[in-house]
Amino acid sequence: MELLYFVLICFGLTQILCYGKIFDRIRPDHHFFHCAMCVGFWVGLFVWALSCSTELFTFDYNIMTGFFLSCLSSGTSYMMNMLICDNGFQLALNKPEEGHVTHNT
């Protein structure tokens, strides 16, 4: 359950930092600040560093734990960002191009 809290907190904070209107005036125009994967990594590291300040989750202060949780935050923030938008779930079906032959093995 702790890991679920961690992932959801990181996703929420990443969304606010990347897309929240409250930060529009101070958010730099650099592509890094609009990338859920990039921001998600640093958010994960930040949230891990603050884990001693909350009872929602507790993680040890090993640098590898911080790195792995940051990678988890980056991947899940990106994945959830690709799946969920302001209008709900985004589902797209990729169809093969016309004339393209698919082989089933």
PDB file of N, CA and C in Angstrom:
ATOM      1  N   MET A   1       0.824  -1.191   0.000  1.00  0.00           N
ATOM      2  CA  MET A   1       0.000   0.000   0.000  1.00  0.00           C
ATOM      3  C   MET A   1       0.877   1.267   0.000  1.00  0.00           C
ATOM      4  N   GLU A   2       2.018   1.180   0.703  1.00  0.00           N
ATOM      5  CA  GLU A   2       2.918   2.331   0.751  1.00  0.00           C
ATOM      6  C   GLU A   2       3.411   2.719  -0.636  1.00  0.00           C
ATOM      7  N   LEU A   3       3.738   1.717  -1.448  1.00  0.00           N
ATOM      8  CA  LEU A   3       4.235   1.986  -2.790  1.00  0.00           C
ATOM      9  C   LEU A   3       3.164   2.637  -3.663  1.00  0.00           C
ATOM     10  N   LEU A   4       1.918   2.243  -3.477  1.00  0.00           N
ATOM     11  CA  LEU A   4       0.815   2.856  -4.215  1.00  0.00           C
ATOM     12  C   LEU A   4       0.671   4.325  -3.836  1.00  0.00           C
ATOM     13  N   TYR A   5       0.735   4.632  -2.547  1.00  0.00           N
ATOM     14  CA  TYR A   5       0.707   6.033  -2.102  1.00  0.00           C
ATOM     15  C   TYR A   5       1.848   6.819  -2.732  1.00  0.00           C
ATOM     16  N   PHE A   6       3.037   6.244  -2.705  1.00  0.00           N
ATOM     17  CA  PHE A   6       4.203   6.916  -3.270  1.00  0.00           C
ATOM     18  C   PHE A   6       3.986   7.238  -4.749  1.00  0.00           C
ATOM     19  N   VAL A   7       3.542   6.251  -5.521  1.00  0.00           N
ATOM     20  CA  VAL A   7       3.341   6.429  -6.962  1.00  0.00           C
ATOM     21  C   VAL A   7       2.268   7.480  -7.241  1.00  0.00           C
ATOM     22  N   LEU A   8       1.156   7.423  -6.528  1.00  0.00           N
ATOM     23  CA  LEU A   8       0.073   8.391  -6.759  1.00  0.00           C
ATOM     24  C   LEU A   8       0.471   9.810  -6.361  1.00  0.00           C
ATOM     25  N   ILE A   9       1.213   9.937  -5.268  1.00  0.00           N
ATOM     26  CA  ILE A   9       1.690  11.266  -4.854  1.00  0.00           C
ATOM     27  C   ILE A   9       2.652  11.819  -5.894  1.00  0.00           C
ATOM     28  N   CYS A  10       3.566  10.987  -6.363  1.00  0.00           N
ATOM     29  CA  CYS A  10       4.520  11.436  -7.381  1.00  0.00           C
ATOM     30  C   CYS A  10       3.817  11.820  -8.676  1.00  0.00           C
ATOM     31  N   PHE A  11       2.823  11.038  -9.083  1.00  0.00           N
ATOM     32  CA  PHE A  11       2.080  11.363 -10.300  1.00  0.00           C
ATOM     33  C   PHE A  11       1.356  12.692 -10.149  1.00  0.00           C
ATOM     34  N   GLY A  12       0.681  12.878  -9.031  1.00  0.00           N
ATOM     35  CA  GLY A  12      -0.046  14.125  -8.811  1.00  0.00           C
ATOM     36  C   GLY A  12       0.875  15.339  -8.799  1.00  0.00           C
ATOM     37  N   LEU A  13       1.986  15.235  -8.109  1.00  0.00           N
ATOM     38  CA  LEU A  13       2.931  16.353  -8.046  1.00  0.00           C
ATOM     39  C   LEU A  13       3.556  16.617  -9.408  1.00  0.00           C
ATOM     40  N   THR A  14       3.859  15.563 -10.143  1.00  0.00           N
ATOM     41  CA  THR A  14       4.414  15.720 -11.489  1.00  0.00           C
ATOM     42  C   THR A  14       3.418  16.436 -12.402  1.00  0.00           C
ATOM     43  N   GLN A  15       2.156  16.045 -12.343  1.00  0.00           N
ATOM     44  CA  GLN A  15       1.128  16.687 -13.168  1.00  0.00           C
ATOM     45  C   GLN A  15       1.000  18.179 -12.833  1.00  0.00           C
ATOM     46  N   ILE A  16       1.005  18.486 -11.548  1.00  0.00           N
ATOM     47  CA  ILE A  16       0.891  19.886 -11.134  1.00  0.00           C
ATOM     48  C   ILE A  16       2.085  20.689 -11.639  1.00  0.00           C
ATOM     49  N   LEU A  17       3.288  20.140 -11.478  1.00  0.00           N
ATOM     50  CA  LEU A  17       4.489  20.872 -11.898  1.00  0.00           C
ATOM     51  C   LEU A  17       4.584  21.027 -13.409  1.00  0.00           C
ATOM     52  N   CYS A  18       4.183  19.993 -14.154  1.00  0.00           N
ATOM     53  CA  CYS A  18       4.283  20.042 -15.618  1.00  0.00           C
ATOM     54  C   CYS A  18       3.156  20.835 -16.273  1.00  0.00           C
ATOM     55  N   TYR A  19       1.943  20.710 -15.744  1.00  0.00           N
ATOM     56  CA  TYR A  19       0.787  21.235 -16.468  1.00  0.00           C
ATOM     57  C   TYR A  19      -0.109  22.171 -15.667  1.00  0.00           C
ATOM     58  N   GLY A  20       0.126  22.321 -14.382  1.00  0.00           N
ATOM     59  CA  GLY A  20      -0.735  23.157 -13.552  1.00  0.00           C
ATOM     60  C   GLY A  20      -0.662  24.628 -13.931  1.00  0.00           C
ATOM     61  N   LYS A  21      -1.816  25.244 -14.083  1.00  0.00           N
ATOM     62  CA  LYS A  21      -1.875  26.659 -14.466  1.00  0.00           C
ATOM     63  C   LYS A  21      -1.241  27.568 -13.420  1.00  0.00           C
ATOM     64  N   ILE A  22      -1.215  27.114 -12.171  1.00  0.00           N
ATOM     65  CA  ILE A  22      -0.660  27.929 -11.104  1.00  0.00           C
ATOM     66  C   ILE A  22       0.829  28.221 -11.338  1.00  0.00           C
ATOM     67  N   PHE A  23       1.512  27.335 -12.078  1.00  0.00           N
ATOM     68  CA  PHE A  23       2.940  27.515 -12.343  1.00  0.00           C
ATOM     69  C   PHE A  23       3.241  28.068 -13.733  1.00  0.00           C
ATOM     70  N   ASP A  24       2.220  28.417 -14.513  1.00  0.00           N
ATOM     71  CA  ASP A  24       2.442  28.890 -15.886  1.00  0.00           C
ATOM     72  C   ASP A  24       3.387  30.084 -15.963  1.00  0.00           C
ATOM     73  N   ARG A  25       3.258  31.021 -15.055  1.00  0.00           N
ATOM     74  CA  ARG A  25       4.087  32.235 -15.126  1.00  0.00           C
ATOM     75  C   ARG A  25       5.534  31.988 -14.714  1.00  0.00           C
ATOM     76  N   ILE A  26       5.780  30.992 -13.885  1.00  0.00           N
ATOM     77  CA  ILE A  26       7.149  30.779 -13.416  1.00  0.00           C
ATOM     78  C   ILE A  26       7.808  29.548 -14.024  1.00  0.00           C
ATOM     79  N   ARG A  27       7.046  28.720 -14.734  1.00  0.00           N
ATOM     80  CA  ARG A  27       7.603  27.512 -15.351  1.00  0.00           C
ATOM     81  C   ARG A  27       8.428  27.910 -16.574  1.00  0.00           C
ATOM     82  N   PRO A  28       9.717  27.501 -16.611  1.00  0.00           N
ATOM     83  CA  PRO A  28      10.542  27.814 -17.793  1.00  0.00           C
ATOM     84  C   PRO A  28       9.992  27.136 -19.044  1.00  0.00           C
ATOM     85  N   ASP A  29      10.309  27.676 -20.207  1.00  0.00           N
ATOM     86  CA  ASP A  29       9.819  27.134 -21.476  1.00  0.00           C
ATOM     87  C   ASP A  29      10.605  25.919 -21.946  1.00  0.00           C
ATOM     88  N   HIS A  30      11.652  25.553 -21.259  1.00  0.00           N
ATOM     89  CA  HIS A  30      12.477  24.407 -21.648  1.00  0.00           C
ATOM     90  C   HIS A  30      11.635  23.133 -21.651  1.00  0.00           C
ATOM     91  N   HIS A  31      11.882  22.252 -22.612  1.00  0.00           N
ATOM     92  CA  HIS A  31      11.079  21.027 -22.755  1.00  0.00           C
ATOM     93  C   HIS A  31      11.136  20.137 -21.518  1.00  0.00           C
ATOM     94  N   PHE A  32      12.205  20.209 -20.733  1.00  0.00           N
ATOM     95  CA  PHE A  32      12.331  19.403 -19.515  1.00  0.00           C
ATOM     96  C   PHE A  32      11.143  19.607 -18.588  1.00  0.00           C
ATOM     97  N   PHE A  33      10.672  20.842 -18.482  1.00  0.00           N
ATOM     98  CA  PHE A  33       9.621  21.177 -17.533  1.00  0.00           C
ATOM     99  C   PHE A  33       8.222  20.799 -18.019  1.00  0.00           C
ATOM    100  N   HIS A  34       8.141  20.213 -19.215  1.00  0.00           N
ATOM    101  CA  HIS A  34       6.875  19.718 -19.749  1.00  0.00           C
ATOM    102  C   HIS A  34       6.932  18.214 -19.986  1.00  0.00           C
ATOM    103  N   CYS A  35       7.969  17.569 -19.476  1.00  0.00           N
ATOM    104  CA  CYS A  35       8.188  16.131 -19.672  1.00  0.00           C
ATOM    105  C   CYS A  35       7.872  15.397 -18.373  1.00  0.00           C
ATOM    106  N   ALA A  36       6.797  14.619 -18.379  1.00  0.00           N
ATOM    107  CA  ALA A  36       6.393  13.888 -17.175  1.00  0.00           C
ATOM    108  C   ALA A  36       7.448  12.873 -16.752  1.00  0.00           C
ATOM    109  N   MET A  37       8.191  12.342 -17.703  1.00  0.00           N
ATOM    110  CA  MET A  37       9.221  11.370 -17.368  1.00  0.00           C
ATOM    111  C   MET A  37      10.399  12.045 -16.654  1.00  0.00           C
ATOM    112  N   CYS A  38      10.821  13.193 -17.156  1.00  0.00           N
ATOM    113  CA  CYS A  38      11.952  13.923 -16.566  1.00  0.00           C
ATOM    114  C   CYS A  38      11.593  14.490 -15.194  1.00  0.00           C
ATOM    115  N   VAL A  39      10.500  15.224 -15.145  1.00  0.00           N
ATOM    116  CA  VAL A  39      10.071  15.825 -13.881  1.00  0.00           C
ATOM    117  C   VAL A  39       9.716  14.727 -12.887  1.00  0.00           C
ATOM    118  N   GLY A  40       9.102  13.643 -13.368  1.00  0.00           N
ATOM    119  CA  GLY A  40       8.723  12.530 -12.502  1.00  0.00           C
ATOM    120  C   GLY A  40       9.902  11.918 -11.776  1.00  0.00           C
ATOM    121  N   PHE A  41      11.063  11.861 -12.429  1.00  0.00           N
ATOM    122  CA  PHE A  41      12.260  11.326 -11.781  1.00  0.00           C
ATOM    123  C   PHE A  41      12.646  12.180 -10.580  1.00  0.00           C
ATOM    124  N   TRP A  42      12.726  13.489 -10.794  1.00  0.00           N
ATOM    125  CA  TRP A  42      13.155  14.392  -9.714  1.00  0.00           C
ATOM    126  C   TRP A  42      12.096  14.513  -8.629  1.00  0.00           C
ATOM    127  N   VAL A  43      10.836  14.414  -9.014  1.00  0.00           N
ATOM    128  CA  VAL A  43       9.760  14.398  -8.009  1.00  0.00           C
ATOM    129  C   VAL A  43       9.900  13.153  -7.139  1.00  0.00           C
ATOM    130  N   GLY A  44      10.192  12.007  -7.752  1.00  0.00           N
ATOM    131  CA  GLY A  44      10.380  10.776  -6.993  1.00  0.00           C
ATOM    132  C   GLY A  44      11.519  10.891  -6.000  1.00  0.00           C
ATOM    133  N   LEU A  45      12.614  11.506  -6.414  1.00  0.00           N
ATOM    134  CA  LEU A  45      13.748  11.703  -5.516  1.00  0.00           C
ATOM    135  C   LEU A  45      13.378  12.641  -4.370  1.00  0.00           C
ATOM    136  N   PHE A  46      12.641  13.692  -4.687  1.00  0.00           N
ATOM    137  CA  PHE A  46      12.202  14.660  -3.678  1.00  0.00           C
ATOM    138  C   PHE A  46      11.257  14.013  -2.663  1.00  0.00           C
ATOM    139  N   VAL A  47      10.280  13.265  -3.154  1.00  0.00           N
ATOM    140  CA  VAL A  47       9.310  12.616  -2.270  1.00  0.00           C
ATOM    141  C   VAL A  47      10.001  11.557  -1.413  1.00  0.00           C
ATOM    142  N   TRP A  48      10.932  10.807  -2.002  1.00  0.00           N
ATOM    143  CA  TRP A  48      11.693   9.831  -1.216  1.00  0.00           C
ATOM    144  C   TRP A  48      12.471  10.524  -0.107  1.00  0.00           C
ATOM    145  N   ALA A  49      13.081  11.660  -0.416  1.00  0.00           N
ATOM    146  CA  ALA A  49      13.863  12.391   0.584  1.00  0.00           C
ATOM    147  C   ALA A  49      12.989  12.887   1.729  1.00  0.00           C
ATOM    148  N   LEU A  50      11.713  13.144   1.442  1.00  0.00           N
ATOM    149  CA  LEU A  50      10.801  13.633   2.478  1.00  0.00           C
ATOM    150  C   LEU A  50      10.031  12.505   3.168  1.00  0.00           C
ATOM    151  N   SER A  51      10.342  11.263   2.842  1.00  0.00           N
ATOM    152  CA  SER A  51       9.553  10.152   3.380  1.00  0.00           C
ATOM    153  C   SER A  51       9.633  10.051   4.900  1.00  0.00           C
ATOM    154  N   CYS A  52      10.655  10.601   5.517  1.00  0.00           N
ATOM    155  CA  CYS A  52      10.731  10.561   6.981  1.00  0.00           C
ATOM    156  C   CYS A  52       9.744  11.534   7.617  1.00  0.00           C
ATOM    157  N   SER A  53       9.193  12.450   6.819  1.00  0.00           N
ATOM    158  CA  SER A  53       8.271  13.467   7.336  1.00  0.00           C
ATOM    159  C   SER A  53       6.813  13.050   7.270  1.00  0.00           C
ATOM    160  N   THR A  54       6.539  11.842   6.819  1.00  0.00           N
ATOM    161  CA  THR A  54       5.162  11.400   6.677  1.00  0.00           C
ATOM    162  C   THR A  54       4.997   9.983   7.222  1.00  0.00           C
ATOM    163  N   GLU A  55       3.776   9.655   7.552  1.00  0.00           N
ATOM    164  CA  GLU A  55       3.475   8.295   7.992  1.00  0.00           C
ATOM    165  C   GLU A  55       2.795   7.499   6.877  1.00  0.00           C
ATOM    166  N   LEU A  56       2.627   8.110   5.697  1.00  0.00           N
ATOM    167  CA  LEU A  56       2.017   7.401   4.573  1.00  0.00           C
ATOM    168  C   LEU A  56       2.922   6.292   4.064  1.00  0.00           C
ATOM    169  N   PHE A  57       4.216   6.538   4.066  1.00  0.00           N
ATOM    170  CA  PHE A  57       5.182   5.542   3.629  1.00  0.00           C
ATOM    171  C   PHE A  57       6.520   5.841   4.275  1.00  0.00           C
ATOM    172  N   THR A  58       7.298   4.795   4.447  1.00  0.00           N
ATOM    173  CA  THR A  58       8.651   4.939   4.979  1.00  0.00           C
ATOM    174  C   THR A  58       9.588   4.085   4.143  1.00  0.00           C
ATOM    175  N   PHE A  59      10.644   4.691   3.672  1.00  0.00           N
ATOM    176  CA  PHE A  59      11.664   4.001   2.892  1.00  0.00           C
ATOM    177  C   PHE A  59      13.017   4.285   3.532  1.00  0.00           C
ATOM    178  N   ASP A  60      13.930   3.326   3.415  1.00  0.00           N
ATOM    179  CA  ASP A  60      15.249   3.555   3.982  1.00  0.00           C
ATOM    180  C   ASP A  60      15.995   4.630   3.189  1.00  0.00           C
ATOM    181  N   TYR A  61      17.015   5.174   3.797  1.00  0.00           N
ATOM    182  CA  TYR A  61      17.773   6.255   3.167  1.00  0.00           C
ATOM    183  C   TYR A  61      19.036   5.753   2.493  1.00  0.00           C
ATOM    184  N   ASN A  62      18.908   4.680   1.765  1.00  0.00           N
ATOM    185  CA  ASN A  62      19.983   4.159   0.938  1.00  0.00           C
ATOM    186  C   ASN A  62      19.879   4.853  -0.415  1.00  0.00           C
ATOM    187  N   ILE A  63      20.992   5.302  -0.976  1.00  0.00           N
ATOM    188  CA  ILE A  63      20.966   6.044  -2.235  1.00  0.00           C
ATOM    189  C   ILE A  63      20.379   5.207  -3.378  1.00  0.00           C
ATOM    190  N   MET A  64      20.584   3.890  -3.341  1.00  0.00           N
ATOM    191  CA  MET A  64      20.013   3.042  -4.382  1.00  0.00           C
ATOM    192  C   MET A  64      18.489   2.962  -4.264  1.00  0.00           C
ATOM    193  N   THR A  65      17.990   2.980  -3.037  1.00  0.00           N
ATOM    194  CA  THR A  65      16.535   3.016  -2.849  1.00  0.00           C
ATOM    195  C   THR A  65      15.980   4.298  -3.455  1.00  0.00           C
ATOM    196  N   GLY A  66      16.641   5.416  -3.213  1.00  0.00           N
ATOM    197  CA  GLY A  66      16.221   6.684  -3.796  1.00  0.00           C
ATOM    198  C   GLY A  66      16.242   6.662  -5.308  1.00  0.00           C
ATOM    199  N   PHE A  67      17.294   6.083  -5.875  1.00  0.00           N
ATOM    200  CA  PHE A  67      17.408   5.997  -7.333  1.00  0.00           C
ATOM    201  C   PHE A  67      16.302   5.123  -7.922  1.00  0.00           C
ATOM    202  N   PHE A  68      16.088   3.950  -7.321  1.00  0.00           N
ATOM    203  CA  PHE A  68      15.059   3.043  -7.836  1.00  0.00           C
ATOM    204  C   PHE A  68      13.662   3.628  -7.696  1.00  0.00           C
ATOM    205  N   LEU A  69      13.377   4.292  -6.586  1.00  0.00           N
ATOM    206  CA  LEU A  69      12.068   4.924  -6.425  1.00  0.00           C
ATOM    207  C   LEU A  69      11.898   6.085  -7.404  1.00  0.00           C
ATOM    208  N   SER A  70      12.974   6.793  -7.697  1.00  0.00           N
ATOM    209  CA  SER A  70      12.909   7.877  -8.690  1.00  0.00           C
ATOM    210  C   SER A  70      12.614   7.313 -10.076  1.00  0.00           C
ATOM    211  N   CYS A  71      13.228   6.192 -10.406  1.00  0.00           N
ATOM    212  CA  CYS A  71      12.946   5.539 -11.692  1.00  0.00           C
ATOM    213  C   CYS A  71      11.502   5.056 -11.748  1.00  0.00           C
ATOM    214  N   LEU A  72      11.028   4.495 -10.649  1.00  0.00           N
ATOM    215  CA  LEU A  72       9.625   4.067 -10.573  1.00  0.00           C
ATOM    216  C   LEU A  72       8.691   5.256 -10.765  1.00  0.00           C
ATOM    217  N   SER A  73       8.992   6.350 -10.111  1.00  0.00           N
ATOM    218  CA  SER A  73       8.177   7.561 -10.244  1.00  0.00           C
ATOM    219  C   SER A  73       8.182   8.075 -11.677  1.00  0.00           C
ATOM    220  N   SER A  74       9.347   8.089 -12.299  1.00  0.00           N
ATOM    221  CA  SER A  74       9.466   8.554 -13.678  1.00  0.00           C
ATOM    222  C   SER A  74       8.625   7.701 -14.621  1.00  0.00           C
ATOM    223  N   GLY A  75       8.786   6.390 -14.523  1.00  0.00           N
ATOM    224  CA  GLY A  75       8.056   5.487 -15.421  1.00  0.00           C
ATOM    225  C   GLY A  75       6.561   5.524 -15.217  1.00  0.00           C
ATOM    226  N   THR A  76       6.127   5.494 -13.975  1.00  0.00           N
ATOM    227  CA  THR A  76       4.684   5.483 -13.725  1.00  0.00           C
ATOM    228  C   THR A  76       4.052   6.839 -14.015  1.00  0.00           C
ATOM    229  N   SER A  77       4.781   7.917 -13.756  1.00  0.00           N
ATOM    230  CA  SER A  77       4.243   9.251 -14.083  1.00  0.00           C
ATOM    231  C   SER A  77       4.063   9.388 -15.587  1.00  0.00           C
ATOM    232  N   TYR A  78       5.045   8.917 -16.344  1.00  0.00           N
ATOM    233  CA  TYR A  78       4.942   8.973 -17.805  1.00  0.00           C
ATOM    234  C   TYR A  78       3.792   8.094 -18.299  1.00  0.00           C
ATOM    235  N   MET A  79       3.738   6.862 -17.792  1.00  0.00           N
ATOM    236  CA  MET A  79       2.694   5.931 -18.224  1.00  0.00           C
ATOM    237  C   MET A  79       1.300   6.486 -17.913  1.00  0.00           C
ATOM    238  N   MET A  80       1.114   6.973 -16.698  1.00  0.00           N
ATOM    239  CA  MET A  80      -0.200   7.503 -16.315  1.00  0.00           C
ATOM    240  C   MET A  80      -0.516   8.777 -17.096  1.00  0.00           C
ATOM    241  N   ASN A  81       0.511   9.568 -17.407  1.00  0.00           N
ATOM    242  CA  ASN A  81       0.309  10.773 -18.207  1.00  0.00           C
ATOM    243  C   ASN A  81      -0.153  10.421 -19.621  1.00  0.00           C
ATOM    244  N   MET A  82       0.347   9.307 -20.155  1.00  0.00           N
ATOM    245  CA  MET A  82      -0.066   8.861 -21.480  1.00  0.00           C
ATOM    246  C   MET A  82      -1.471   8.252 -21.466  1.00  0.00           C
ATOM    247  N   LEU A  83      -1.897   7.728 -20.327  1.00  0.00           N
ATOM    248  CA  LEU A  83      -3.204   7.074 -20.236  1.00  0.00           C
ATOM    249  C   LEU A  83      -4.340   7.997 -19.824  1.00  0.00           C
ATOM    250  N   ILE A  84      -4.022   9.023 -19.036  1.00  0.00           N
ATOM    251  CA  ILE A  84      -5.063   9.878 -18.462  1.00  0.00           C
ATOM    252  C   ILE A  84      -4.851  11.316 -18.915  1.00  0.00           C
ATOM    253  N   CYS A  85      -5.910  11.933 -19.433  1.00  0.00           N
ATOM    254  CA  CYS A  85      -5.853  13.336 -19.821  1.00  0.00           C
ATOM    255  C   CYS A  85      -7.027  14.069 -19.174  1.00  0.00           C
ATOM    256  N   ASP A  86      -7.180  15.339 -19.483  1.00  0.00           N
ATOM    257  CA  ASP A  86      -8.257  16.137 -18.901  1.00  0.00           C
ATOM    258  C   ASP A  86      -9.647  15.607 -19.253  1.00  0.00           C
ATOM    259  N   ASN A  87      -9.752  14.901 -20.373  1.00  0.00           N
ATOM    260  CA  ASN A  87     -11.044  14.376 -20.820  1.00  0.00           C
ATOM    261  C   ASN A  87     -11.272  12.925 -20.417  1.00  0.00           C
ATOM    262  N   GLY A  88     -10.416  12.375 -19.590  1.00  0.00           N
ATOM    263  CA  GLY A  88     -10.558  10.983 -19.161  1.00  0.00           C
ATOM    264  C   GLY A  88      -9.434  10.127 -19.698  1.00  0.00           C
ATOM    265  N   PHE A  89      -9.743   8.855 -19.949  1.00  0.00           N
ATOM    266  CA  PHE A  89      -8.724   7.929 -20.440  1.00  0.00           C
ATOM    267  C   PHE A  89      -8.480   8.134 -21.921  1.00  0.00           C
ATOM    268  N   GLN A  90      -7.211   8.057 -22.331  1.00  0.00           N
ATOM    269  CA  GLN A  90      -6.830   8.163 -23.733  1.00  0.00           C
ATOM    270  C   GLN A  90      -6.523   6.764 -24.235  1.00  0.00           C
ATOM    271  N   LEU A  91      -7.318   6.282 -25.123  1.00  0.00           N
ATOM    272  CA  LEU A  91      -7.065   4.970 -25.708  1.00  0.00           C
ATOM    273  C   LEU A  91      -7.014   5.115 -27.216  1.00  0.00           C
ATOM    274  N   ALA A  92      -5.900   4.715 -27.794  1.00  0.00           N
ATOM    275  CA  ALA A  92      -5.750   4.778 -29.243  1.00  0.00           C
ATOM    276  C   ALA A  92      -5.370   3.403 -29.749  1.00  0.00           C
ATOM    277  N   LEU A  93      -6.009   3.009 -30.818  1.00  0.00           N
ATOM    278  CA  LEU A  93      -5.684   1.726 -31.433  1.00  0.00           C
ATOM    279  C   LEU A  93      -4.807   1.993 -32.645  1.00  0.00           C
ATOM    280  N   ASN A  94      -3.659   1.366 -32.683  1.00  0.00           N
ATOM    281  CA  ASN A  94      -2.764   1.509 -33.828  1.00  0.00           C
ATOM    282  C   ASN A  94      -3.150   0.472 -34.871  1.00  0.00           C
ATOM    283  N   LYS A  95      -3.508   0.955 -36.042  1.00  0.00           N
ATOM    284  CA  LYS A  95      -3.873   0.063 -37.135  1.00  0.00           C
ATOM    285  C   LYS A  95      -2.700  -0.022 -38.096  1.00  0.00           C
ATOM    286  N   PRO A  96      -2.461  -1.202 -38.667  1.00  0.00           N
ATOM    287  CA  PRO A  96      -1.366  -1.313 -39.644  1.00  0.00           C
ATOM    288  C   PRO A  96      -1.676  -0.449 -40.859  1.00  0.00           C
ATOM    289  N   GLU A  97      -0.609   0.077 -41.447  1.00  0.00           N
ATOM    290  CA  GLU A  97      -0.779   0.914 -42.632  1.00  0.00           C
ATOM    291  C   GLU A  97      -1.348   0.079 -43.778  1.00  0.00           C
ATOM    292  N   GLU A  98      -2.079   0.736 -44.658  1.00  0.00           N
ATOM    293  CA  GLU A  98      -2.664   0.035 -45.791  1.00  0.00           C
ATOM    294  C   GLU A  98      -1.556  -0.486 -46.689  1.00  0.00           C
ATOM    295  N   GLY A  99      -1.681  -1.703 -47.114  1.00  0.00           N
ATOM    296  CA  GLY A  99      -0.648  -2.313 -47.953  1.00  0.00           C
ATOM    297  C   GLY A  99       0.446  -2.976 -47.142  1.00  0.00           C
ATOM    298  N   HIS A 100       0.451  -2.749 -45.841  1.00  0.00           N
ATOM    299  CA  HIS A 100       1.461  -3.359 -44.980  1.00  0.00           C
ATOM    300  C   HIS A 100       0.995  -4.761 -44.592  1.00  0.00           C
ATOM    301  N   VAL A 101       1.822  -5.739 -44.819  1.00  0.00           N
ATOM    302  CA  VAL A 101       1.474  -7.131 -44.532  1.00  0.00           C
ATOM    303  C   VAL A 101       1.978  -7.481 -43.145  1.00  0.00           C
ATOM    304  N   THR A 102       1.079  -7.995 -42.314  1.00  0.00           N
ATOM    305  CA  THR A 102       1.482  -8.468 -40.985  1.00  0.00           C
ATOM    306  C   THR A 102       1.534  -9.976 -41.018  1.00  0.00           C
ATOM    307  N   HIS A 103       2.567 -10.510 -40.436  1.00  0.00           N
ATOM    308  CA  HIS A 103       2.733 -11.962 -40.389  1.00  0.00           C
ATOM    309  C   HIS A 103       2.524 -12.431 -38.968  1.00  0.00           C
ATOM    310  N   ASN A 104       1.655 -13.389 -38.811  1.00  0.00           N
ATOM    311  CA  ASN A 104       1.454 -14.005 -37.494  1.00  0.00           C
ATOM    312  C   ASN A 104       2.339 -15.230 -37.402  1.00  0.00           C
ATOM    313  N   THR A 105       3.036 -15.364 -36.301  1.00  0.00           N
ATOM    314  CA  THR A 105       3.907 -16.536 -36.145  1.00  0.00           C
ATOM    315  C   THR A 105       3.347 -17.459 -35.109  1.00  0.00           C
TER     316      THR A 105
END
